[in-house]
Structures are given as C-alpha cells and as structure tokens.
Amino acid sequence: MADTSDRLNPPRRVFHWLRHPFLLIVLGLLLYWGCSFLYHLVVPRPIAAVSPANPNGEWIGELTMDGRRWEPSLQGDTPGPHRHAILRFRLEDADSFMDTHHGPGTMIILGEGITRTFRAINWESHPDGSIRFGIDATPDVVLSEFSCEADGNILTCKTGDPLEHRLTLRPGTDADANALLHRVEQQAANEPSLPPLATAPSVSDFERELHRQEQEDDQEEQNEDNSAASPHHAQTKHRPH
C-alpha cells in the first residue's frame, strides 16, 4: 500500500522539499526579488541632481557667437548680425555602456523671429575631466563639437574650429531659461553694434588663401598650354640636329 503520510501531512511535505539546497536558493531569490519590487513601489527613489557627473536632466546655456572668427553669413537666413543665443535641452542616456548622452532642445538667437530646434549629441566625459558634445540644429547653425571644462555645476565650453563660439551651461528649468533670456536681452541692448552684414567678413582666411592658390595654379596651367601651342615653341622643339 502506498505511503500517504506526506500527503496527509502538508507541513511535513514542505519540510521535505526544503531539505534540497537548490530549492532553498530559488526560494530565497524569489523572496528577495519580491521584497525589492514591493520596496520600489512603496518607497520613492530619490532623484539624483543634474550635474556634470550625472548629466541626465535639464540644462540651460548662453551661447556667444562673436569669437575670433565671426562669420554672420553662416548663422542663418534671417537679418543679422546675431551674437547671442539661449539654449535649453534635456539629456538622457544614448548608450549606457559607452556612457554617452543625447537629447532634444530649443535655441533662441537674439534678433531672430524663430525658435530653432536641435539635438545635443554625443555628450561624453573624458579621462582628463573634460566633456565634449555636439549640436545638430534646424535650421542649421554652424556649431561644431564643444569642449567643456567643469567648475562645480557650471560648464564653460567653446568650439574647436576657427569660429571659437563660447557657451556657458548649467542645470536649469523653464523658469531659469526665461530669466536668463531676459538678462541676456538687457545686456545685448547695451552692447555696441557690430558692423553691418554687408561689410562683415563672409569667407574665412583659409578659404581665401585656398581660392588664391587655385587661381595661381589655373594661371600657370594656362601659360604652359599657351607656350606649348606657340609656333616658335614647336619649331624649337622639332629643329633637326
């Protein structure tokens, strides 16, 4: 006759299962995961403050576009010149393994009647403590990669190209961005005006030099062709010895 003692005594049957180490481990893991899940549901997790070390969140910044190479023809189609802009964007993880971040934002260039949209891209920290990221704007604004140095929660950035645009970033909300815009508008109103767009340089020195060299090369080639086609040159070349 089959032994029905375990079936008639459930506590004894459970105790018999708990004698297996594997079952104890599985039961312990399930108990841990269940308690952890309930804890996160009941107890709100603190939100880390936005900082250079923890960049995910809202940032605001003031962009100055009158560095060593000021090229107003490259700053958009609206009448200019423009030298100040306010940026606001929100960062999130782009690649948690590579520790890169990106996010959408808006840009207001003082003097323009539009609000540009952009994406902050490839935000990453480097071993030397610097932070680098790029801006992809619509309509396009000439902004290459920014290199930033942190002083507390303030980032001082500049582009590495000849334009040398300067950008100051810090964590901030909508209200902070509006206050910054108001302050920059007041400062810009008291600044001396820049030269009109028609007299401002529109081509970099490098491009001018490249164009001059191309013209010289074309002139040399033309002189060589003319010399080769002249009758005197042909007679000299084929004169019998």
Protein backbone atom coordinates (compact mmCIF):
# COMPACT_ATOMS: atom_id res chain seq x y z
CA MET A 1 0.00 0.00 0.00
CA ALA A 2 1.37 3.46 -0.99
CA ASP A 3 2.69 5.70 1.75
CA THR A 4 0.22 8.55 2.18
CA SER A 5 1.78 10.09 5.28
CA ASP A 6 3.30 13.09 3.34
CA ARG A 7 0.02 13.64 1.50
CA LEU A 8 -1.93 13.67 4.74
CA ASN A 9 0.63 15.92 6.49
CA PRO A 10 1.40 19.00 4.25
CA PRO A 11 3.84 20.67 6.71
CA ARG A 12 5.97 17.54 6.68
CA ARG A 13 5.92 17.51 2.88
CA VAL A 14 7.09 21.17 2.70
CA PHE A 15 9.87 20.45 5.17
CA HIS A 16 10.96 17.57 2.96
CA TRP A 17 11.26 19.95 -0.07
CA LEU A 18 13.27 22.47 1.92
CA ARG A 19 15.95 19.85 2.53
CA HIS A 20 17.12 20.39 -1.08
CA PRO A 21 19.74 23.24 -1.33
CA PHE A 22 18.71 24.19 -4.88
CA LEU A 23 15.12 24.76 -3.84
CA LEU A 24 16.27 26.88 -0.92
CA ILE A 25 18.33 29.11 -3.25
CA VAL A 26 15.43 29.56 -5.68
CA LEU A 27 13.04 30.36 -2.86
CA GLY A 28 15.49 32.89 -1.39
CA LEU A 29 15.93 34.66 -4.74
CA LEU A 30 12.19 34.84 -5.32
CA LEU A 31 11.69 36.25 -1.83
CA TYR A 32 14.45 38.86 -2.37
CA TRP A 33 13.13 39.98 -5.77
CA GLY A 34 9.59 40.19 -4.47
CA CYS A 35 10.55 42.32 -1.47
CA SER A 36 12.76 44.56 -3.63
CA PHE A 37 9.94 45.09 -6.14
CA LEU A 38 7.48 45.99 -3.40
CA TYR A 39 10.01 48.35 -1.79
CA HIS A 40 10.49 50.33 -5.01
CA LEU A 41 6.74 50.54 -5.48
CA VAL A 42 6.11 51.90 -2.00
CA VAL A 43 9.27 53.96 -1.31
CA PRO A 44 10.04 56.66 -3.94
CA ARG A 45 13.62 56.54 -5.17
CA PRO A 46 15.49 59.86 -4.74
CA ILE A 47 16.27 61.66 -7.99
CA ALA A 48 19.94 62.50 -8.42
CA ALA A 49 20.63 66.17 -9.01
CA VAL A 50 21.72 67.14 -12.51
CA SER A 51 25.47 67.77 -12.64
CA PRO A 52 28.43 67.17 -14.95
CA ALA A 53 28.90 63.81 -13.22
CA ASN A 54 25.20 62.97 -13.67
CA PRO A 55 24.19 64.87 -16.84
CA ASN A 56 20.77 63.39 -17.45
CA GLY A 57 18.19 66.13 -16.97
CA GLU A 58 17.58 69.75 -17.94
CA TRP A 59 20.34 72.18 -18.95
CA ILE A 60 20.29 75.84 -19.96
CA GLY A 61 23.05 77.88 -21.52
CA GLU A 62 24.16 81.17 -23.05
CA LEU A 63 25.91 80.96 -26.42
CA THR A 64 28.14 83.78 -27.67
CA MET A 65 28.81 83.74 -31.42
CA ASP A 66 31.40 86.51 -31.85
CA GLY A 67 34.65 84.70 -31.25
CA ARG A 68 37.90 85.17 -33.12
CA ARG A 69 36.21 84.25 -36.41
CA TRP A 70 32.80 85.92 -36.56
CA GLU A 71 31.02 84.86 -39.75
CA PRO A 72 27.44 86.18 -39.70
CA SER A 73 26.60 84.81 -43.13
CA LEU A 74 26.77 81.33 -41.60
CA GLN A 75 24.35 82.00 -38.74
CA GLY A 76 21.06 81.58 -40.60
CA ASP A 77 18.92 83.29 -43.22
CA THR A 78 17.33 85.98 -41.05
CA PRO A 79 18.76 89.52 -40.96
CA GLY A 80 21.73 89.88 -38.67
CA PRO A 81 24.25 90.04 -37.30
CA HIS A 82 23.46 87.90 -34.25
CA ARG A 83 25.87 87.23 -31.44
CA HIS A 84 23.85 85.80 -28.51
CA ALA A 85 21.64 82.75 -28.12
CA ILE A 86 19.88 80.93 -25.29
CA LEU A 87 19.82 77.14 -25.27
CA ARG A 88 17.71 74.71 -23.29
CA PHE A 89 17.84 70.92 -23.61
CA ARG A 90 17.18 67.70 -21.73
CA LEU A 91 19.74 64.90 -21.71
CA GLU A 92 19.04 61.20 -21.45
CA ASP A 93 21.09 58.04 -21.93
CA ALA A 94 22.09 57.35 -25.52
CA ASP A 95 24.33 54.37 -24.77
CA SER A 96 24.61 53.37 -21.12
CA PHE A 97 27.51 51.00 -21.87
CA MET A 98 29.56 53.76 -23.56
CA ASP A 99 28.22 56.37 -21.08
CA THR A 100 27.06 58.77 -23.82
CA HIS A 101 24.02 61.05 -23.65
CA HIS A 102 21.81 63.00 -26.03
CA GLY A 103 18.52 64.85 -26.05
CA PRO A 104 16.24 67.42 -27.68
CA GLY A 105 16.39 71.14 -27.10
CA THR A 106 15.45 74.60 -28.32
CA MET A 107 17.59 77.60 -29.23
CA ILE A 108 16.59 81.27 -29.37
CA ILE A 109 19.07 83.52 -31.19
CA LEU A 110 18.55 87.14 -30.15
CA GLY A 111 17.43 89.15 -33.15
CA GLU A 112 15.73 86.25 -34.90
CA GLY A 113 12.00 85.71 -35.04
CA ILE A 114 12.15 81.93 -34.88
CA THR A 115 12.85 79.27 -32.29
CA ARG A 116 15.29 76.70 -33.58
CA THR A 117 15.15 73.06 -32.53
CA PHE A 118 18.25 70.97 -32.07
CA ARG A 119 19.62 67.81 -30.56
CA ALA A 120 22.56 67.67 -28.20
CA ILE A 121 24.52 64.65 -29.43
CA ASN A 122 27.47 62.51 -28.34
CA TRP A 123 27.72 64.01 -24.83
CA GLU A 124 30.56 62.16 -23.12
CA SER A 125 33.07 62.65 -20.33
CA HIS A 126 36.79 62.10 -20.89
CA PRO A 127 39.55 60.92 -18.54
CA ASP A 128 41.06 64.41 -18.36
CA GLY A 129 37.80 65.70 -16.82
CA SER A 130 36.60 67.48 -19.96
CA ILE A 131 33.19 66.99 -21.54
CA ARG A 132 32.54 67.04 -25.27
CA PHE A 133 29.30 67.12 -27.21
CA GLY A 134 27.83 68.38 -30.47
CA ILE A 135 24.71 70.28 -31.55
CA ASP A 136 22.60 69.34 -34.56
CA ALA A 137 20.30 72.35 -35.19
CA THR A 138 17.34 73.03 -37.51
CA PRO A 139 17.57 75.43 -39.34
CA ASP A 140 21.27 74.75 -39.48
CA VAL A 141 23.65 76.80 -37.35
CA VAL A 142 27.39 76.40 -37.75
CA LEU A 143 28.28 74.75 -34.45
CA SER A 144 30.87 72.02 -34.34
CA GLU A 145 31.90 69.98 -31.31
CA PHE A 146 32.06 71.80 -27.97
CA SER A 147 34.81 71.07 -25.48
CA CYS A 148 33.84 71.93 -21.88
CA GLU A 149 35.56 72.34 -18.54
CA ALA A 150 33.57 71.94 -15.33
CA ASP A 151 33.68 74.27 -12.33
CA GLY A 152 31.15 72.80 -9.94
CA ASN A 153 27.89 72.58 -11.89
CA ILE A 154 28.95 75.25 -14.39
CA LEU A 155 30.38 74.15 -17.74
CA THR A 156 32.49 76.58 -19.76
CA CYS A 157 32.60 75.41 -23.37
CA LYS A 158 33.99 76.53 -26.70
CA THR A 159 34.18 75.14 -30.20
CA GLY A 160 37.49 73.94 -31.52
CA ASP A 161 37.02 75.37 -35.00
CA PRO A 162 38.16 78.89 -36.03
CA LEU A 163 34.74 80.32 -35.07
CA GLU A 164 35.51 79.82 -31.37
CA HIS A 165 31.92 80.13 -30.20
CA ARG A 166 31.63 80.19 -26.41
CA LEU A 167 28.94 78.51 -24.34
CA THR A 168 28.20 78.55 -20.61
CA LEU A 169 25.97 75.71 -19.38
CA ARG A 170 24.35 74.91 -16.05
CA PRO A 171 21.39 72.84 -14.84
CA GLY A 172 18.15 74.80 -15.09
CA THR A 173 14.39 74.74 -15.64
CA ASP A 174 11.99 76.65 -17.89
CA ALA A 175 11.82 79.49 -15.38
CA ASP A 176 15.63 79.66 -15.24
CA ALA A 177 15.83 79.76 -19.04
CA ASN A 178 13.31 82.63 -19.23
CA ALA A 179 15.22 84.59 -16.59
CA LEU A 180 18.48 84.02 -18.47
CA LEU A 181 16.89 85.16 -21.73
CA HIS A 182 15.64 88.37 -20.10
CA ARG A 183 19.08 89.11 -18.62
CA VAL A 184 20.92 88.48 -21.90
CA GLU A 185 18.43 90.67 -23.81
CA GLN A 186 19.16 93.54 -21.43
CA GLN A 187 22.92 93.07 -21.79
CA ALA A 188 22.69 92.87 -25.59
CA ALA A 189 20.72 96.12 -25.73
CA ASN A 190 23.63 97.95 -24.07
CA GLU A 191 26.35 96.49 -26.29
CA PRO A 192 27.88 98.44 -29.20
CA SER A 193 26.53 97.38 -32.55
CA LEU A 194 28.56 95.15 -34.81
CA PRO A 195 29.44 96.16 -38.38
CA PRO A 196 26.62 95.63 -40.88
CA LEU A 197 26.32 92.28 -42.54
CA ALA A 198 27.43 93.61 -45.94
CA THR A 199 30.83 94.72 -44.61
CA ALA A 200 31.44 91.82 -42.27
CA PRO A 201 33.72 89.01 -43.45
CA SER A 202 31.84 86.15 -45.04
CA VAL A 203 34.74 83.92 -46.09
CA SER A 204 37.45 82.66 -43.79
CA ASP A 205 41.12 83.45 -44.35
CA PHE A 206 41.74 79.80 -45.11
CA GLU A 207 39.13 79.78 -47.87
CA ARG A 208 40.53 83.00 -49.35
CA GLU A 209 44.04 81.55 -49.44
CA LEU A 210 42.77 78.34 -51.00
CA HIS A 211 40.91 80.30 -53.69
CA ARG A 212 44.03 82.40 -54.42
CA GLN A 213 46.18 79.29 -54.81
CA GLU A 214 43.66 77.72 -57.16
CA GLN A 215 43.69 80.85 -59.32
CA GLU A 216 47.51 80.82 -59.47
CA ASP A 217 47.55 77.14 -60.43
CA ASP A 218 44.99 77.75 -63.18
CA GLN A 219 47.06 80.67 -64.50
CA GLU A 220 50.24 78.57 -64.57
CA GLU A 221 48.49 75.78 -66.46
CA GLN A 222 47.11 78.27 -68.96
CA ASN A 223 50.57 79.79 -69.52
CA GLU A 224 52.06 76.35 -70.11
CA ASP A 225 49.33 75.48 -72.61
CA ASN A 226 49.84 78.77 -74.47
CA SER A 227 53.59 78.25 -74.57
CA ALA A 228 53.24 74.71 -75.89
CA ALA A 229 50.85 75.84 -78.63
CA SER A 230 53.03 78.74 -79.91
CA PRO A 231 54.76 78.22 -83.36
CA HIS A 232 58.19 79.26 -82.05
CA HIS A 233 57.99 76.61 -79.35
CA ALA A 234 57.05 73.96 -81.92
CA GLN A 235 59.96 74.89 -84.27
CA THR A 236 62.45 74.84 -81.42
CA LYS A 237 61.20 71.51 -80.23
CA HIS A 238 61.44 69.81 -83.69
CA ARG A 239 64.60 71.54 -85.09
CA PRO A 240 66.88 68.86 -86.65
CA HIS A 241 70.42 68.50 -85.32
